[in-house]
PDB file of N, CA and C in Angstrom:
ATOM      1  N   MET A   1      -9.934  16.765 -16.543  1.00  0.00           N
ATOM      2  CA  MET A   1      -9.377  15.399 -17.376  1.00  0.00           C
ATOM      3  C   MET A   1      -9.213  14.381 -15.631  1.00  0.00           C
ATOM      4  N   LYS A   2      -9.323  12.762 -15.843  1.00  0.00           N
ATOM      5  CA  LYS A   2      -9.564  12.004 -15.517  1.00  0.00           C
ATOM      6  C   LYS A   2      -8.290  11.135 -16.193  1.00  0.00           C
ATOM      7  N   ILE A   3      -7.944   9.901 -14.546  1.00  0.00           N
ATOM      8  CA  ILE A   3      -7.239   8.978 -14.428  1.00  0.00           C
ATOM      9  C   ILE A   3      -8.217   7.750 -14.030  1.00  0.00           C
ATOM     10  N   LEU A   4      -7.967   7.024 -14.463  1.00  0.00           N
ATOM     11  CA  LEU A   4      -8.957   5.667 -14.114  1.00  0.00           C
ATOM     12  C   LEU A   4      -7.329   4.528 -13.560  1.00  0.00           C
ATOM     13  N   VAL A   5      -7.518   3.910 -12.108  1.00  0.00           N
ATOM     14  CA  VAL A   5      -6.517   3.240 -12.230  1.00  0.00           C
ATOM     15  C   VAL A   5      -7.700   1.595 -11.637  1.00  0.00           C
ATOM     16  N   SER A   6      -6.730   0.612 -12.265  1.00  0.00           N
ATOM     17  CA  SER A   6      -7.585  -0.677 -12.339  1.00  0.00           C
ATOM     18  C   SER A   6      -6.927  -2.227 -11.767  1.00  0.00           C
ATOM     19  N   LEU A   7      -7.194  -2.008 -10.363  1.00  0.00           N
ATOM     20  CA  LEU A   7      -7.020  -2.432  -9.192  1.00  0.00           C
ATOM     21  C   LEU A   7      -7.096  -3.735  -8.900  1.00  0.00           C
ATOM     22  N   SER A   8      -6.499  -5.039  -8.801  1.00  0.00           N
ATOM     23  CA  SER A   8      -7.065  -6.348  -8.835  1.00  0.00           C
ATOM     24  C   SER A   8      -6.072  -6.706  -7.139  1.00  0.00           C
ATOM     25  N   GLY A   9      -6.496  -7.845  -6.546  1.00  0.00           N
ATOM     26  CA  GLY A   9      -5.927  -7.988  -5.745  1.00  0.00           C
ATOM     27  C   GLY A   9      -5.020  -6.869  -5.086  1.00  0.00           C
ATOM     28  N   GLY A  10      -5.066  -5.745  -4.456  1.00  0.00           N
ATOM     29  CA  GLY A  10      -3.912  -4.063  -4.610  1.00  0.00           C
ATOM     30  C   GLY A  10      -3.546  -4.841  -5.200  1.00  0.00           C
ATOM     31  N   LEU A  11      -2.884  -5.217  -6.832  1.00  0.00           N
ATOM     32  CA  LEU A  11      -2.192  -5.003  -7.889  1.00  0.00           C
ATOM     33  C   LEU A  11      -2.350  -4.033  -9.173  1.00  0.00           C
ATOM     34  N   VAL A  12      -1.815  -2.750  -9.328  1.00  0.00           N
ATOM     35  CA  VAL A  12      -2.758  -1.838 -10.385  1.00  0.00           C
ATOM     36  C   VAL A  12      -2.297  -3.145 -11.477  1.00  0.00           C
ATOM     37  N   ASN A  13      -2.861  -3.396 -12.444  1.00  0.00           N
ATOM     38  CA  ASN A  13      -3.586  -4.175 -13.109  1.00  0.00           C
ATOM     39  C   ASN A  13      -3.451  -2.709 -14.762  1.00  0.00           C
ATOM     40  N   ALA A  14      -3.805  -1.642 -14.435  1.00  0.00           N
ATOM     41  CA  ALA A  14      -3.415  -0.614 -16.002  1.00  0.00           C
ATOM     42  C   ALA A  14      -3.705   0.769 -15.070  1.00  0.00           C
ATOM     43  N   VAL A  15      -3.067   2.288 -15.779  1.00  0.00           N
ATOM     44  CA  VAL A  15      -3.508   3.381 -15.420  1.00  0.00           C
ATOM     45  C   VAL A  15      -3.411   3.383 -17.483  1.00  0.00           C
ATOM     46  N   TYR A  16      -5.043   4.071 -16.719  1.00  0.00           N
ATOM     47  CA  TYR A  16      -5.884   4.964 -18.262  1.00  0.00           C
ATOM     48  C   TYR A  16      -5.940   6.638 -17.568  1.00  0.00           C
ATOM     49  N   LEU A  17      -5.642   7.088 -19.378  1.00  0.00           N
ATOM     50  CA  LEU A  17      -6.016   8.760 -18.842  1.00  0.00           C
ATOM     51  C   LEU A  17      -7.268   8.936 -20.125  1.00  0.00           C
ATOM     52  N   ASP A  18      -7.831   9.796 -19.765  1.00  0.00           N
ATOM     53  CA  ASP A  18      -8.156  10.797 -20.727  1.00  0.00           C
ATOM     54  C   ASP A  18      -7.781  10.947 -21.694  1.00  0.00           C
ATOM     55  N   GLU A  19      -8.409  12.265 -22.662  1.00  0.00           N
ATOM     56  CA  GLU A  19      -7.741  13.094 -23.483  1.00  0.00           C
ATOM     57  C   GLU A  19      -7.103  13.784 -23.154  1.00  0.00           C
ATOM     58  N   GLU A  20      -7.868  14.796 -21.991  1.00  0.00           N
ATOM     59  CA  GLU A  20      -7.108  16.427 -21.438  1.00  0.00           C
ATOM     60  C   GLU A  20      -6.084  15.608 -20.582  1.00  0.00           C
ATOM     61  N   ALA A  21      -6.141  13.972 -20.218  1.00  0.00           N
ATOM     62  CA  ALA A  21      -5.137  14.215 -19.592  1.00  0.00           C
ATOM     63  C   ALA A  21      -3.559  13.737 -20.160  1.00  0.00           C
ATOM     64  N   ALA A  22      -4.389  13.162 -21.065  1.00  0.00           N
ATOM     65  CA  ALA A  22      -2.898  12.602 -22.201  1.00  0.00           C
ATOM     66  C   ALA A  22      -2.177  14.342 -22.863  1.00  0.00           C
ATOM     67  N   ALA A  23      -2.865  14.556 -23.237  1.00  0.00           N
ATOM     68  CA  ALA A  23      -2.218  16.097 -24.135  1.00  0.00           C
ATOM     69  C   ALA A  23      -1.563  16.868 -22.940  1.00  0.00           C
ATOM     70  N   ALA A  24      -2.417  16.484 -21.862  1.00  0.00           N
ATOM     71  CA  ALA A  24      -1.230  17.223 -20.940  1.00  0.00           C
ATOM     72  C   ALA A  24      -0.221  16.613 -20.249  1.00  0.00           C
ATOM     73  N   LYS A  25       0.251  15.522 -20.672  1.00  0.00           N
ATOM     74  CA  LYS A  25       1.106  14.382 -20.253  1.00  0.00           C
ATOM     75  C   LYS A  25       1.540  13.864 -19.487  1.00  0.00           C
ATOM     76  N   VAL A  26       0.442  13.995 -18.390  1.00  0.00           N
ATOM     77  CA  VAL A  26       0.473  13.262 -17.172  1.00  0.00           C
ATOM     78  C   VAL A  26       0.866  12.193 -16.844  1.00  0.00           C
ATOM     79  N   GLN A  27       1.753  12.371 -15.760  1.00  0.00           N
ATOM     80  CA  GLN A  27       2.666  11.365 -15.662  1.00  0.00           C
ATOM     81  C   GLN A  27       2.223  10.542 -14.322  1.00  0.00           C
ATOM     82  N   VAL A  28       2.423   9.261 -14.172  1.00  0.00           N
ATOM     83  CA  VAL A  28       1.924   8.668 -12.604  1.00  0.00           C
ATOM     84  C   VAL A  28       2.701   7.773 -12.492  1.00  0.00           C
ATOM     85  N   VAL A  29       2.917   8.362 -10.852  1.00  0.00           N
ATOM     86  CA  VAL A  29       4.092   7.644 -10.436  1.00  0.00           C
ATOM     87  C   VAL A  29       3.118   6.317  -9.081  1.00  0.00           C
ATOM     88  N   ILE A  30       3.067   5.319  -8.876  1.00  0.00           N
ATOM     89  CA  ILE A  30       2.420   4.273  -8.051  1.00  0.00           C
ATOM     90  C   ILE A  30       3.404   4.755  -6.851  1.00  0.00           C
ATOM     91  N   ALA A  31       2.604   4.537  -5.524  1.00  0.00           N
ATOM     92  CA  ALA A  31       3.073   4.111  -4.465  1.00  0.00           C
ATOM     93  C   ALA A  31       2.782   2.980  -3.680  1.00  0.00           C
ATOM     94  N   ASP A  32       3.532   1.550  -3.553  1.00  0.00           N
ATOM     95  CA  ASP A  32       3.028   0.620  -3.613  1.00  0.00           C
ATOM     96  C   ASP A  32       3.782   0.635  -2.282  1.00  0.00           C
ATOM     97  N   TYR A  33       2.871   0.490  -0.717  1.00  0.00           N
ATOM     98  CA  TYR A  33       3.157  -0.017   1.021  1.00  0.00           C
ATOM     99  C   TYR A  33       3.061  -0.970   1.398  1.00  0.00           C
ATOM    100  N   ASP A  34       2.224  -1.847   0.508  1.00  0.00           N
ATOM    101  CA  ASP A  34       2.551  -3.307   0.111  1.00  0.00           C
ATOM    102  C   ASP A  34       3.778  -3.652   0.044  1.00  0.00           C
ATOM    103  N   VAL A  35       4.762  -4.393   0.885  1.00  0.00           N
ATOM    104  CA  VAL A  35       6.144  -4.652   0.479  1.00  0.00           C
ATOM    105  C   VAL A  35       6.845  -5.175   1.406  1.00  0.00           C
ATOM    106  N   GLU A  36       6.354  -6.331   2.016  1.00  0.00           N
ATOM    107  CA  GLU A  36       6.471  -7.175   3.159  1.00  0.00           C
ATOM    108  C   GLU A  36       6.805  -8.349   1.119  1.00  0.00           C
ATOM    109  N   GLY A  37       7.975  -9.564   2.151  1.00  0.00           N
ATOM    110  CA  GLY A  37       8.231 -10.045   0.671  1.00  0.00           C
ATOM    111  C   GLY A  37       9.123  -9.819  -0.551  1.00  0.00           C
ATOM    112  N   THR A  38       9.239  -8.494  -0.900  1.00  0.00           N
ATOM    113  CA  THR A  38       9.798  -8.662  -1.847  1.00  0.00           C
ATOM    114  C   THR A  38      10.895  -8.268  -2.448  1.00  0.00           C
ATOM    115  N   GLN A  39      12.149  -8.242  -3.867  1.00  0.00           N
ATOM    116  CA  GLN A  39      12.787  -8.745  -3.594  1.00  0.00           C
ATOM    117  C   GLN A  39      13.470  -7.724  -4.684  1.00  0.00           C
ATOM    118  N   CYS A  40      12.794  -6.650  -4.401  1.00  0.00           N
ATOM    119  CA  CYS A  40      13.215  -5.175  -5.195  1.00  0.00           C
ATOM    120  C   CYS A  40      13.661  -4.334  -4.551  1.00  0.00           C
ATOM    121  N   GLU A  41      13.825  -3.200  -4.818  1.00  0.00           N
ATOM    122  CA  GLU A  41      14.226  -2.335  -4.181  1.00  0.00           C
ATOM    123  C   GLU A  41      12.946  -1.048  -3.489  1.00  0.00           C
ATOM    124  N   THR A  42      13.464  -1.301  -1.865  1.00  0.00           N
ATOM    125  CA  THR A  42      12.750   0.097  -1.455  1.00  0.00           C
ATOM    126  C   THR A  42      13.327   1.361  -0.828  1.00  0.00           C
ATOM    127  N   VAL A  43      11.830   2.359  -1.549  1.00  0.00           N
ATOM    128  CA  VAL A  43      12.676   4.207  -0.893  1.00  0.00           C
ATOM    129  C   VAL A  43      11.867   3.907   0.887  1.00  0.00           C
ATOM    130  N   LEU A  44      12.357   5.315   1.161  1.00  0.00           N
ATOM    131  CA  LEU A  44      11.433   5.395   2.299  1.00  0.00           C
ATOM    132  C   LEU A  44      10.348   7.269   1.697  1.00  0.00           C
ATOM    133  N   ASP A  45       9.230   6.843   2.454  1.00  0.00           N
ATOM    134  CA  ASP A  45       8.409   8.200   1.979  1.00  0.00           C
ATOM    135  C   ASP A  45       8.257   9.131   3.022  1.00  0.00           C
ATOM    136  N   PRO A  46       7.831  10.184   2.847  1.00  0.00           N
ATOM    137  CA  PRO A  46       8.480  11.574   3.860  1.00  0.00           C
ATOM    138  C   PRO A  46       8.310  11.261   5.036  1.00  0.00           C
ATOM    139  N   ASP A  47       7.609  10.305   5.552  1.00  0.00           N
ATOM    140  CA  ASP A  47       6.864   9.963   6.092  1.00  0.00           C
ATOM    141  C   ASP A  47       7.870   8.599   7.307  1.00  0.00           C
ATOM    142  N   GLY A  48       9.070   8.375   6.571  1.00  0.00           N
ATOM    143  CA  GLY A  48       9.861   7.598   6.815  1.00  0.00           C
ATOM    144  C   GLY A  48       9.243   5.363   7.087  1.00  0.00           C
ATOM    145  N   ASP A  49       8.320   6.070   6.225  1.00  0.00           N
ATOM    146  CA  ASP A  49       6.855   4.524   5.544  1.00  0.00           C
ATOM    147  C   ASP A  49       8.126   3.726   4.629  1.00  0.00           C
ATOM    148  N   GLU A  50       8.238   2.039   4.709  1.00  0.00           N
ATOM    149  CA  GLU A  50       9.135   1.844   3.671  1.00  0.00           C
ATOM    150  C   GLU A  50       7.908   1.442   2.641  1.00  0.00           C
ATOM    151  N   ILE A  51       7.785   1.868   1.215  1.00  0.00           N
ATOM    152  CA  ILE A  51       7.248   1.591   0.029  1.00  0.00           C
ATOM    153  C   ILE A  51       8.357   1.014  -0.764  1.00  0.00           C
ATOM    154  N   LEU A  52       7.415   0.575  -2.282  1.00  0.00           N
ATOM    155  CA  LEU A  52       7.522   0.697  -3.748  1.00  0.00           C
ATOM    156  C   LEU A  52       7.205   1.454  -4.573  1.00  0.00           C
ATOM    157  N   LEU A  53       8.384   2.419  -5.333  1.00  0.00           N
ATOM    158  CA  LEU A  53       7.636   3.303  -6.062  1.00  0.00           C
ATOM    159  C   LEU A  53       8.500   2.953  -7.173  1.00  0.00           C
ATOM    160  N   TRP A  54       7.506   3.524  -8.857  1.00  0.00           N
ATOM    161  CA  TRP A  54       7.507   3.118 -10.295  1.00  0.00           C
ATOM    162  C   TRP A  54       6.271   3.961 -10.973  1.00  0.00           C
ATOM    163  N   THR A  55       7.680   4.652 -11.850  1.00  0.00           N
ATOM    164  CA  THR A  55       6.679   5.347 -12.820  1.00  0.00           C
ATOM    165  C   THR A  55       5.280   3.989 -14.336  1.00  0.00           C
ATOM    166  N   GLU A  56       3.851   4.773 -13.816  1.00  0.00           N
ATOM    167  CA  GLU A  56       3.814   3.832 -14.780  1.00  0.00           C
ATOM    168  C   GLU A  56       3.471   4.339 -15.774  1.00  0.00           C
ATOM    169  N   THR A  57       3.238   3.533 -17.078  1.00  0.00           N
ATOM    170  CA  THR A  57       2.738   4.074 -18.105  1.00  0.00           C
ATOM    171  C   THR A  57       1.069   3.361 -18.957  1.00  0.00           C
ATOM    172  N   PRO A  58       1.014   5.152 -18.684  1.00  0.00           N
ATOM    173  CA  PRO A  58      -0.499   4.875 -18.942  1.00  0.00           C
ATOM    174  C   PRO A  58      -1.495   4.622 -19.721  1.00  0.00           C
ATOM    175  N   ILE A  59      -2.011   4.122 -20.485  1.00  0.00           N
ATOM    176  CA  ILE A  59      -2.747   3.049 -21.559  1.00  0.00           C
ATOM    177  C   ILE A  59      -3.779   4.902 -22.275  1.00  0.00           C
ATOM    178  N   THR A  60      -3.592   5.089 -23.604  1.00  0.00           N
ATOM    179  CA  THR A  60      -4.437   6.402 -23.519  1.00  0.00           C
ATOM    180  C   THR A  60      -5.380   5.187 -24.814  1.00  0.00           C
ATOM    181  N   GLU A  61      -6.226   6.369 -25.431  1.00  0.00           N
ATOM    182  CA  GLU A  61      -7.373   5.820 -26.006  1.00  0.00           C
ATOM    183  C   GLU A  61      -8.206   4.822 -25.890  1.00  0.00           C
ATOM    184  N   SER A  62      -8.371   4.200 -24.983  1.00  0.00           N
ATOM    185  CA  SER A  62      -9.550   3.256 -24.646  1.00  0.00           C
ATOM    186  C   SER A  62     -10.459   3.485 -24.025  1.00  0.00           C
ATOM    187  N   PRO A  63     -10.997   2.264 -25.428  1.00  0.00           N
ATOM    188  CA  PRO A  63     -12.558   2.634 -25.718  1.00  0.00           C
ATOM    189  C   PRO A  63     -12.828   2.465 -23.801  1.00  0.00           C
ATOM    190  N   HIS A  64     -12.377   1.022 -23.696  1.00  0.00           N
ATOM    191  CA  HIS A  64     -12.358   0.821 -22.336  1.00  0.00           C
ATOM    192  C   HIS A  64     -12.747   1.595 -21.477  1.00  0.00           C
ATOM    193  N   ALA A  65     -11.680   2.354 -20.800  1.00  0.00           N
ATOM    194  CA  ALA A  65     -11.609   2.960 -19.633  1.00  0.00           C
ATOM    195  C   ALA A  65     -12.576   4.500 -20.507  1.00  0.00           C
ATOM    196  N   GLU A  66     -12.853   5.409 -21.127  1.00  0.00           N
ATOM    197  CA  GLU A  66     -13.564   5.803 -22.238  1.00  0.00           C
ATOM    198  C   GLU A  66     -15.243   5.244 -21.892  1.00  0.00           C
ATOM    199  N   LYS A  67     -15.579   4.982 -21.338  1.00  0.00           N
ATOM    200  CA  LYS A  67     -16.759   4.034 -21.105  1.00  0.00           C
ATOM    201  C   LYS A  67     -17.095   3.904 -19.585  1.00  0.00           C
ATOM    202  N   MET A  68     -15.986   3.452 -18.948  1.00  0.00           N
ATOM    203  CA  MET A  68     -15.718   3.774 -17.696  1.00  0.00           C
ATOM    204  C   MET A  68     -15.837   5.200 -17.291  1.00  0.00           C
ATOM    205  N   PHE A  69     -15.015   6.195 -18.033  1.00  0.00           N
ATOM    206  CA  PHE A  69     -15.327   7.395 -17.517  1.00  0.00           C
ATOM    207  C   PHE A  69     -16.788   7.851 -17.280  1.00  0.00           C
ATOM    208  N   ALA A  70     -17.395   7.468 -18.512  1.00  0.00           N
ATOM    209  CA  ALA A  70     -19.014   7.832 -19.206  1.00  0.00           C
ATOM    210  C   ALA A  70     -19.370   7.561 -17.515  1.00  0.00           C
ATOM    211  N   LEU A  71     -19.123   6.481 -17.311  1.00  0.00           N
ATOM    212  CA  LEU A  71     -19.452   5.469 -16.279  1.00  0.00           C
ATOM    213  C   LEU A  71     -20.132   6.501 -14.414  1.00  0.00           C
ATOM    214  N   GLU A  72     -18.851   7.183 -14.834  1.00  0.00           N
ATOM    215  CA  GLU A  72     -18.290   7.297 -13.196  1.00  0.00           C
ATOM    216  C   GLU A  72     -19.041   9.064 -13.516  1.00  0.00           C
ATOM    217  N   ALA A  73     -19.036   9.730 -15.107  1.00  0.00           N
ATOM    218  CA  ALA A  73     -19.804  10.966 -14.679  1.00  0.00           C
ATOM    219  C   ALA A  73     -20.888  10.535 -14.139  1.00  0.00           C
ATOM    220  N   THR A  74     -22.494   9.988 -14.334  1.00  0.00           N
ATOM    221  CA  THR A  74     -23.782  10.272 -14.139  1.00  0.00           C
ATOM    222  C   THR A  74     -23.845   9.583 -13.420  1.00  0.00           C
ATOM    223  N   GLY A  75     -22.811   9.574 -12.453  1.00  0.00           N
ATOM    224  CA  GLY A  75     -23.187   9.351 -10.606  1.00  0.00           C
ATOM    225  C   GLY A  75     -23.462   8.387  -9.544  1.00  0.00           C
ATOM    226  N   CYS A  76     -24.254   7.465 -11.222  1.00  0.00           N
ATOM    227  CA  CYS A  76     -25.380   6.262 -10.602  1.00  0.00           C
ATOM    228  C   CYS A  76     -24.251   5.177  -9.879  1.00  0.00           C
ATOM    229  N   PHE A  77     -23.791   5.378  -9.153  1.00  0.00           N
ATOM    230  CA  PHE A  77     -22.532   3.360  -8.976  1.00  0.00           C
ATOM    231  C   PHE A  77     -23.061   3.558  -7.797  1.00  0.00           C
TER     232      PHE A  77
END
């Protein structure tokens, strides 16, 4: 089971699931500790740190993600 999280400049662009993760109905929760200047409501994590917390809707059946999973599996990076 694999999950690919795509980041750019610390921002989550997308979350991709492989077939096994999609079949298991994996849910993806994002905890963002970069809260400075946010207009959104924050919460405290178990350690008392302020975070933004949301559930991300994952992308399934992505040819791009499948190629990325295959690259990772080679261990040649």
